[in-house]
Amino acid sequence: MFWASKIICVAVGIIVGILIGTKLTGLATVAAAGLGGMVGYILPEIYLLQKRREWRGDIERELPNALDLMSITMAAGSTFDDAVRTVAENSEGALAEGFRDVLANARFMDITDALKQFADNAGVRPLTIFVASLIQARQTGAQFVDVLENQAQTVRTLLFTANLHCYVYNTQKRWVCQH
């Protein structure tokens, strides 16, 4: 699907370049067509990069509430697997979708391995930190509920700090925040 859209964008870019090039002469027409093709080649990648950036931001924003829901679920006596399932079934968004994938993968591997794989693929720092803390808690026998509550607060602090940083720089007109 990606390559098909890329080919279509290249073709449209070349056509637009030729149409613009008809106002020009000779070699300039060829150059305009080539430039249009290059722009068409790059556009789908730019689109995917933007979508991935949005997806990562969604995961980062959804993580603290998901961790709170997981800690409440576990404090009520459920297992960690049930807590992940609760988020996957009762939430919407990129993180809930990722947790559904984690549960599907957990049928074939340990759930912490599936979470680590999700975190590695997502490339979201707070999610990676959470999974590392979870693995350490599992190895040391720490209480998962405490880990979940601490991680939720840590992620909230990171997000607040990042947003505050952007706000400060925006008011001074030095920085445009990407959040």
Foldseek 3Di string as FASTA:
>chain_A
DLVVQLVVLLVVLLVVLQVVCVVPDDPSSVVSSVVRNVCSNCVSVVVVVVVLVVQLVFCLVCLLVLLVQLLVVVVVPDDSLVSLVCLLPVHDGSSSVLSVQLNVCCVPPPSLVSQCVSCVVSVRVLSNVLSVLVVVCVVVVNDSSVSSNVSSVVSVVVVVVLVVVQVVCVVVPNDHDPD
